[in-house]
């Protein structure tokens, strides 16, 4: 049995709810789930979980957003899921790194606020 056998013995909706709570505390807190195995990785990369993931820590370390960063794939998944902060930070990266103002603005236009 894996370290998360108790978690996976619960109904799937609870898996996601618990993973979202963990994700809101920070992206780094998802690492044990990601490395725990296939089921943990699938749960950590669930769109709803990625959308809720706090990217505060990576935001304090902008090199995590660089294209050569090992963390980049995770950040990009957050962007694709519609994580508002990740999209905002990615738009800044595009504008600053490449001067891609139109691409940056388009990314920001694609963000849908949670109340809509």
Protein backbone atom coordinates (compact mmCIF):
# COMPACT_ATOMS: atom_id res chain seq x y z
CA UNK A 1 0.00 0.00 0.00
CA UNK A 2 1.16 3.50 -0.74
CA UNK A 3 1.40 6.41 1.70
CA UNK A 4 -1.93 7.76 0.50
CA UNK A 5 -3.96 4.53 0.77
CA UNK A 6 -6.32 6.13 3.30
CA UNK A 7 -6.92 9.07 0.97
CA UNK A 8 -7.65 6.81 -1.98
CA UNK A 9 -10.04 4.70 0.09
CA UNK A 10 -12.36 7.75 0.24
CA UNK A 11 -14.83 8.69 -2.52
CA UNK A 12 -13.20 10.44 -5.50
CA UNK A 13 -14.93 13.76 -4.85
CA UNK A 14 -13.25 13.83 -1.46
CA UNK A 15 -9.86 13.11 -3.07
CA UNK A 16 -10.22 16.23 -5.16
CA UNK A 17 -11.56 18.34 -2.28
CA UNK A 18 -8.66 17.35 -0.04
CA UNK A 19 -6.12 17.91 -2.83
CA UNK A 20 -7.58 21.38 -3.46
CA UNK A 21 -7.19 22.27 0.22
CA UNK A 22 -3.57 21.13 0.09
CA UNK A 23 -2.97 22.99 -3.20
CA UNK A 24 -4.25 26.24 -1.72
CA UNK A 25 -1.51 26.07 0.91
CA UNK A 26 1.16 26.04 -1.78
CA UNK A 27 2.54 24.29 -4.81
CA UNK A 28 5.39 22.77 -2.79
CA UNK A 29 2.86 20.90 -0.61
CA UNK A 30 1.77 18.93 -3.68
CA UNK A 31 5.21 17.36 -4.20
CA UNK A 32 4.60 14.32 -1.97
CA UNK A 33 1.37 13.61 -3.82
CA UNK A 34 3.06 13.97 -7.22
CA UNK A 35 5.90 11.60 -6.37
CA UNK A 36 3.68 9.09 -4.56
CA UNK A 37 2.74 7.25 -7.72
CA UNK A 38 0.40 7.34 -10.68
CA UNK A 39 -2.81 7.92 -8.68
CA UNK A 40 -1.22 10.73 -6.69
CA UNK A 41 0.15 12.38 -9.80
CA UNK A 42 -3.21 12.18 -11.57
CA UNK A 43 -4.86 13.77 -8.55
CA UNK A 44 -2.24 16.53 -8.21
CA UNK A 45 -2.57 17.36 -11.92
CA UNK A 46 -6.37 17.42 -11.86
CA UNK A 47 -7.58 20.64 -13.52
CA UNK A 48 -9.56 21.73 -10.46
CA UNK A 49 -6.57 21.14 -8.20
CA UNK A 50 -4.16 23.03 -10.49
CA UNK A 51 -6.62 25.90 -10.80
CA UNK A 52 -6.65 26.25 -7.00
CA UNK A 53 -2.89 25.83 -6.53
CA UNK A 54 -1.17 28.71 -4.79
CA UNK A 55 1.77 29.89 -6.85
CA UNK A 56 2.89 32.36 -4.18
CA UNK A 57 6.20 30.59 -3.54
CA UNK A 58 7.15 30.35 -7.23
CA UNK A 59 6.15 34.00 -7.62
CA UNK A 60 8.76 34.91 -5.00
CA UNK A 61 11.33 32.99 -7.06
CA UNK A 62 10.81 34.16 -10.67
CA UNK A 63 13.44 31.74 -11.97
CA UNK A 64 10.82 28.99 -11.45
CA UNK A 65 8.92 30.52 -14.36
CA UNK A 66 11.91 30.47 -16.72
CA UNK A 67 11.73 28.04 -19.61
CA UNK A 68 14.74 26.05 -18.39
CA UNK A 69 13.30 25.57 -14.89
CA UNK A 70 12.34 22.10 -13.69
CA UNK A 71 9.29 23.74 -12.12
CA UNK A 72 8.21 25.23 -15.48
CA UNK A 73 6.11 22.22 -16.57
CA UNK A 74 4.10 22.42 -13.37
CA UNK A 75 3.59 26.18 -13.73
CA UNK A 76 2.52 25.69 -17.35
CA UNK A 77 -0.06 23.10 -16.26
CA UNK A 78 -1.40 25.67 -13.80
CA UNK A 79 -1.66 28.22 -16.64
CA UNK A 80 -3.49 25.74 -18.88
CA UNK A 81 -5.93 24.95 -16.05
CA UNK A 82 -6.86 28.63 -15.78
CA UNK A 83 -5.06 29.38 -12.51
CA UNK A 84 -5.47 33.17 -12.36
CA UNK A 85 -2.19 33.97 -10.61
CA UNK A 86 -0.22 31.60 -12.81
CA UNK A 87 -1.74 33.21 -15.93
CA UNK A 88 -0.92 36.67 -14.64
CA UNK A 89 2.68 35.72 -13.84
CA UNK A 90 3.08 33.98 -17.20
CA UNK A 91 1.80 37.09 -18.99
CA UNK A 92 4.41 39.16 -17.15
CA UNK A 93 7.12 36.66 -18.15
CA UNK A 94 6.11 36.87 -21.80
CA UNK A 95 6.07 40.67 -21.75
CA UNK A 96 9.36 41.07 -19.90
CA UNK A 97 11.37 38.25 -21.47
CA UNK A 98 10.24 38.56 -25.07
CA UNK A 99 8.49 41.91 -25.29
CA UNK A 100 5.48 39.90 -26.41
CA UNK A 101 2.93 42.43 -25.30
CA UNK A 102 0.14 41.17 -27.56
CA UNK A 103 0.60 37.54 -26.44
CA UNK A 104 0.72 38.73 -22.84
CA UNK A 105 -2.44 40.79 -23.26
CA UNK A 106 -4.21 37.89 -24.97
CA UNK A 107 -3.37 35.60 -22.07
CA UNK A 108 -4.83 38.13 -19.67
CA UNK A 109 -7.97 38.50 -21.80
CA UNK A 110 -8.48 34.73 -21.66
CA UNK A 111 -8.61 34.73 -17.88
CA UNK A 112 -12.14 34.38 -16.64
CA UNK A 113 -12.72 35.79 -13.17
CA UNK A 114 -14.08 33.30 -10.61
CA UNK A 115 -17.34 35.26 -10.21
CA UNK A 116 -18.27 34.95 -13.89
